[in-house]
Amino acid sequence: GGRTLDVSKSRPKAGGASTAPPGTSLHVTGLPFKATEESIKAVFADCGSIEQVRIIKGEDGKPKGFCYVQFSDEASATRGLAKTGTMMEGRAIKVALPNPKG
């Protein structure tokens, strides 16, 4: 029993309002294609409370090698930035703040 997801194109919200405070989301690249939500959470578990891990997939449903990790607070996300260079299945991941849209 999986969950049903309602996916729609995101539109910039007036005033930049978002459900998450700014600075709580991290962009993680260089992921092994076999990385799972659980394996990614394991890397960042000691940084703080993780709200969500979104592994980005292509049209074919295969992972593209990057994800977004949403933390519950900025302090946790800041600690997450220090995970750049962590090895996952022989690949060094890179962690950065996502580029602001605009």
N, C-alpha and C. Protein backbone atom coordinates (compact mmCIF):
# COMPACT_ATOMS: atom_id res chain seq x y z
N GLY A 1 0.82 -1.19 0.00
CA GLY A 1 0.00 0.00 0.00
C GLY A 1 0.85 1.24 0.00
N GLY A 2 0.98 1.87 -1.15
CA GLY A 2 1.72 3.12 -1.23
C GLY A 2 0.81 4.30 -0.96
N ARG A 3 1.42 5.46 -0.92
CA ARG A 3 0.65 6.67 -0.73
C ARG A 3 0.43 7.33 -2.08
N THR A 4 -0.70 7.98 -2.23
CA THR A 4 -0.99 8.71 -3.45
C THR A 4 -0.43 10.11 -3.31
N LEU A 5 0.30 10.54 -4.31
CA LEU A 5 0.85 11.89 -4.32
C LEU A 5 0.16 12.72 -5.38
N ASP A 6 -0.19 13.95 -5.02
CA ASP A 6 -0.76 14.87 -5.98
C ASP A 6 0.38 15.78 -6.42
N VAL A 7 0.81 15.66 -7.67
CA VAL A 7 1.94 16.43 -8.16
C VAL A 7 1.45 17.48 -9.13
N SER A 8 1.85 18.73 -8.89
CA SER A 8 1.50 19.80 -9.80
C SER A 8 2.70 20.72 -9.95
N LYS A 9 2.72 21.49 -11.03
CA LYS A 9 3.81 22.43 -11.25
C LYS A 9 3.76 23.49 -10.16
N SER A 10 4.93 23.81 -9.61
CA SER A 10 4.94 24.82 -8.55
C SER A 10 4.91 26.20 -9.17
N ARG A 11 4.20 27.08 -8.52
CA ARG A 11 4.15 28.47 -8.94
C ARG A 11 4.73 29.30 -7.81
N PRO A 12 5.49 30.33 -8.16
CA PRO A 12 6.01 31.18 -7.08
C PRO A 12 4.85 31.75 -6.29
N LYS A 13 4.93 31.67 -4.97
CA LYS A 13 3.86 32.19 -4.13
C LYS A 13 4.09 33.68 -3.90
N ALA A 14 3.04 34.42 -3.82
CA ALA A 14 3.14 35.86 -3.57
C ALA A 14 3.86 36.08 -2.25
N GLY A 15 4.84 36.93 -2.27
CA GLY A 15 5.57 37.23 -1.05
C GLY A 15 6.55 36.15 -0.66
N GLY A 16 6.73 35.15 -1.48
CA GLY A 16 7.68 34.09 -1.19
C GLY A 16 7.28 33.23 -0.01
N ALA A 17 6.01 33.23 0.34
CA ALA A 17 5.55 32.42 1.47
C ALA A 17 5.73 30.94 1.16
N SER A 18 6.22 30.22 2.13
CA SER A 18 6.45 28.79 1.95
C SER A 18 6.11 28.11 3.26
N THR A 19 5.82 26.81 3.19
CA THR A 19 5.49 26.10 4.41
C THR A 19 6.74 25.93 5.29
N ALA A 20 7.91 25.93 4.67
CA ALA A 20 9.15 25.75 5.43
C ALA A 20 9.86 27.09 5.59
N PRO A 21 10.46 27.30 6.76
CA PRO A 21 11.23 28.54 6.91
C PRO A 21 12.43 28.54 5.97
N PRO A 22 12.90 29.71 5.56
CA PRO A 22 14.05 29.77 4.65
C PRO A 22 15.27 29.16 5.33
N GLY A 23 16.11 28.52 4.52
CA GLY A 23 17.35 28.00 5.07
C GLY A 23 17.23 26.65 5.75
N THR A 24 16.09 25.95 5.58
CA THR A 24 15.96 24.63 6.20
C THR A 24 16.08 23.50 5.19
N SER A 25 16.17 23.86 3.90
CA SER A 25 16.26 22.84 2.85
C SER A 25 17.67 22.81 2.27
N LEU A 26 18.19 21.61 2.02
CA LEU A 26 19.52 21.47 1.43
C LEU A 26 19.42 20.69 0.13
N HIS A 27 20.26 21.05 -0.83
CA HIS A 27 20.34 20.39 -2.13
C HIS A 27 21.55 19.46 -2.06
N VAL A 28 21.33 18.17 -2.26
CA VAL A 28 22.40 17.18 -2.16
C VAL A 28 22.63 16.57 -3.54
N THR A 29 23.87 16.66 -4.03
CA THR A 29 24.21 16.11 -5.35
C THR A 29 25.30 15.06 -5.21
N GLY A 30 25.52 14.33 -6.30
CA GLY A 30 26.54 13.28 -6.29
C GLY A 30 26.07 12.01 -5.62
N LEU A 31 24.76 11.85 -5.49
CA LEU A 31 24.22 10.65 -4.83
C LEU A 31 24.42 9.42 -5.71
N PRO A 32 24.72 8.28 -5.07
CA PRO A 32 24.70 7.04 -5.86
C PRO A 32 23.25 6.79 -6.31
N PHE A 33 23.09 6.21 -7.50
CA PHE A 33 21.74 5.99 -8.02
C PHE A 33 20.94 5.01 -7.17
N LYS A 34 21.65 4.21 -6.36
CA LYS A 34 20.95 3.25 -5.49
C LYS A 34 20.55 3.88 -4.16
N ALA A 35 20.87 5.15 -3.95
CA ALA A 35 20.53 5.81 -2.68
C ALA A 35 19.02 5.80 -2.47
N THR A 36 18.62 5.55 -1.23
CA THR A 36 17.20 5.55 -0.88
C THR A 36 16.95 6.67 0.14
N GLU A 37 15.69 6.95 0.36
CA GLU A 37 15.33 7.93 1.38
C GLU A 37 15.96 7.55 2.72
N GLU A 38 15.93 6.24 3.03
CA GLU A 38 16.48 5.77 4.30
C GLU A 38 18.00 5.96 4.37
N SER A 39 18.71 5.64 3.27
CA SER A 39 20.17 5.77 3.31
C SER A 39 20.59 7.24 3.39
N ILE A 40 19.81 8.11 2.77
CA ILE A 40 20.10 9.55 2.83
C ILE A 40 19.82 10.07 4.24
N LYS A 41 18.69 9.65 4.82
CA LYS A 41 18.37 10.06 6.19
C LYS A 41 19.45 9.60 7.15
N ALA A 42 20.02 8.42 6.91
CA ALA A 42 21.05 7.89 7.80
C ALA A 42 22.28 8.80 7.81
N VAL A 43 22.63 9.38 6.65
CA VAL A 43 23.79 10.28 6.56
C VAL A 43 23.55 11.54 7.38
N PHE A 44 22.32 12.07 7.34
CA PHE A 44 22.01 13.36 7.97
C PHE A 44 21.36 13.22 9.35
N ALA A 45 21.19 11.99 9.84
CA ALA A 45 20.45 11.75 11.08
C ALA A 45 21.03 12.51 12.28
N ASP A 46 22.36 12.64 12.33
CA ASP A 46 22.96 13.29 13.49
C ASP A 46 22.95 14.81 13.40
N CYS A 47 22.37 15.36 12.33
CA CYS A 47 22.32 16.82 12.15
C CYS A 47 21.11 17.43 12.84
N GLY A 48 20.06 16.65 12.98
CA GLY A 48 18.83 17.16 13.59
C GLY A 48 17.62 16.50 12.97
N SER A 49 16.47 17.09 13.22
CA SER A 49 15.20 16.51 12.78
C SER A 49 14.99 16.73 11.28
N ILE A 50 14.79 15.62 10.55
CA ILE A 50 14.57 15.68 9.10
C ILE A 50 13.07 15.58 8.84
N GLU A 51 12.55 16.58 8.13
CA GLU A 51 11.12 16.59 7.80
C GLU A 51 10.84 15.70 6.60
N GLN A 52 11.71 15.80 5.57
CA GLN A 52 11.42 15.14 4.30
C GLN A 52 12.69 14.98 3.48
N VAL A 53 12.76 13.88 2.74
CA VAL A 53 13.81 13.69 1.74
C VAL A 53 13.10 13.51 0.41
N ARG A 54 13.45 14.33 -0.58
CA ARG A 54 12.86 14.20 -1.92
C ARG A 54 13.95 13.83 -2.90
N ILE A 55 13.94 12.59 -3.37
CA ILE A 55 14.88 12.14 -4.38
C ILE A 55 14.29 12.52 -5.73
N ILE A 56 15.05 13.28 -6.52
CA ILE A 56 14.54 13.76 -7.80
C ILE A 56 14.74 12.68 -8.86
N LYS A 57 13.65 12.38 -9.57
CA LYS A 57 13.68 11.33 -10.60
C LYS A 57 13.35 11.93 -11.96
N GLY A 58 13.90 11.31 -12.99
CA GLY A 58 13.65 11.75 -14.36
C GLY A 58 12.32 11.22 -14.88
N GLU A 59 12.04 11.52 -16.14
CA GLU A 59 10.80 11.07 -16.79
C GLU A 59 10.67 9.54 -16.74
N ASP A 60 11.82 8.85 -16.77
CA ASP A 60 11.81 7.38 -16.78
C ASP A 60 11.66 6.78 -15.38
N GLY A 61 11.54 7.64 -14.37
CA GLY A 61 11.36 7.16 -13.00
C GLY A 61 12.67 6.79 -12.32
N LYS A 62 13.79 6.96 -13.01
CA LYS A 62 15.08 6.63 -12.42
C LYS A 62 15.64 7.85 -11.70
N PRO A 63 16.30 7.65 -10.55
CA PRO A 63 16.87 8.78 -9.82
C PRO A 63 17.90 9.52 -10.66
N LYS A 64 17.95 10.84 -10.49
CA LYS A 64 18.89 11.67 -11.25
C LYS A 64 20.19 11.91 -10.49
N GLY A 65 20.30 11.37 -9.28
CA GLY A 65 21.55 11.53 -8.54
C GLY A 65 21.57 12.73 -7.62
N PHE A 66 20.40 13.34 -7.39
CA PHE A 66 20.36 14.41 -6.40
C PHE A 66 19.03 14.41 -5.68
N CYS A 67 19.00 15.12 -4.54
CA CYS A 67 17.79 15.17 -3.74
C CYS A 67 17.76 16.47 -2.95
N TYR A 68 16.65 16.69 -2.30
CA TYR A 68 16.51 17.78 -1.35
C TYR A 68 16.22 17.17 0.01
N VAL A 69 16.90 17.67 1.03
CA VAL A 69 16.66 17.23 2.40
C VAL A 69 16.08 18.43 3.13
N GLN A 70 14.88 18.25 3.67
CA GLN A 70 14.18 19.33 4.40
C GLN A 70 14.32 19.06 5.89
N PHE A 71 14.95 19.99 6.60
CA PHE A 71 15.10 19.88 8.05
C PHE A 71 14.00 20.69 8.74
N SER A 72 13.81 20.43 10.03
CA SER A 72 12.77 21.15 10.77
C SER A 72 13.24 22.52 11.22
N ASP A 73 14.56 22.78 11.22
CA ASP A 73 15.04 24.09 11.63
C ASP A 73 16.36 24.41 10.94
N GLU A 74 16.71 25.71 10.95
CA GLU A 74 17.91 26.17 10.26
C GLU A 74 19.19 25.62 10.87
N ALA A 75 19.21 25.45 12.19
CA ALA A 75 20.43 24.95 12.84
C ALA A 75 20.76 23.54 12.35
N SER A 76 19.74 22.72 12.17
CA SER A 76 19.95 21.36 11.67
C SER A 76 20.47 21.40 10.24
N ALA A 77 19.88 22.28 9.41
CA ALA A 77 20.32 22.41 8.02
C ALA A 77 21.77 22.88 7.96
N THR A 78 22.13 23.81 8.84
CA THR A 78 23.51 24.31 8.88
C THR A 78 24.48 23.17 9.19
N ARG A 79 24.10 22.31 10.14
CA ARG A 79 24.93 21.14 10.44
C ARG A 79 25.00 20.20 9.24
N GLY A 80 23.90 20.11 8.49
CA GLY A 80 23.84 19.26 7.30
C GLY A 80 24.83 19.70 6.22
N LEU A 81 25.08 21.01 6.13
CA LEU A 81 26.02 21.52 5.14
C LEU A 81 27.41 20.92 5.33
N ALA A 82 27.74 20.58 6.57
CA ALA A 82 29.06 20.02 6.88
C ALA A 82 29.22 18.59 6.34
N LYS A 83 28.16 18.01 5.82
CA LYS A 83 28.23 16.63 5.30
C LYS A 83 28.80 16.57 3.89
N THR A 84 29.11 17.72 3.29
CA THR A 84 29.76 17.71 1.97
C THR A 84 31.02 16.86 2.05
N GLY A 85 31.21 15.99 1.07
CA GLY A 85 32.39 15.13 1.05
C GLY A 85 32.16 13.78 1.70
N THR A 86 31.00 13.59 2.35
CA THR A 86 30.68 12.30 2.95
C THR A 86 30.57 11.26 1.83
N MET A 87 31.16 10.09 2.05
CA MET A 87 31.11 9.04 1.04
C MET A 87 29.84 8.22 1.18
N MET A 88 29.16 8.01 0.05
CA MET A 88 28.00 7.12 -0.01
C MET A 88 28.25 6.15 -1.16
N GLU A 89 28.43 4.90 -0.84
CA GLU A 89 28.67 3.86 -1.85
C GLU A 89 29.76 4.27 -2.83
N GLY A 90 30.86 4.80 -2.30
CA GLY A 90 32.00 5.14 -3.13
C GLY A 90 31.93 6.48 -3.82
N ARG A 91 30.87 7.25 -3.56
CA ARG A 91 30.74 8.58 -4.17
C ARG A 91 30.72 9.64 -3.08
N ALA A 92 31.43 10.73 -3.33
CA ALA A 92 31.42 11.85 -2.38
C ALA A 92 30.23 12.75 -2.70
N ILE A 93 29.36 12.95 -1.72
CA ILE A 93 28.21 13.80 -1.95
C ILE A 93 28.59 15.27 -1.74
N LYS A 94 27.83 16.15 -2.37
CA LYS A 94 28.00 17.60 -2.17
C LYS A 94 26.69 18.13 -1.60
N VAL A 95 26.82 18.96 -0.59
CA VAL A 95 25.64 19.53 0.07
C VAL A 95 25.71 21.05 -0.05
N ALA A 96 24.63 21.65 -0.50
CA ALA A 96 24.58 23.11 -0.65
C ALA A 96 23.18 23.62 -0.38
N LEU A 97 23.08 24.93 -0.19
CA LEU A 97 21.77 25.55 -0.11
C LEU A 97 21.19 25.58 -1.52
N PRO A 98 19.90 25.32 -1.68
CA PRO A 98 19.33 25.36 -3.03
C PRO A 98 19.39 26.78 -3.59
N ASN A 99 19.52 26.88 -4.90
CA ASN A 99 19.51 28.20 -5.55
C ASN A 99 18.12 28.79 -5.42
N PRO A 100 18.05 30.05 -4.98
CA PRO A 100 16.71 30.66 -4.91
C PRO A 100 16.13 30.80 -6.31
N LYS A 101 14.85 30.53 -6.43
CA LYS A 101 14.21 30.66 -7.74
C LYS A 101 14.01 32.15 -8.01
N GLY A 102 14.21 32.54 -9.27
CA GLY A 102 13.96 33.93 -9.54
C GLY A 102 14.85 34.48 -10.60
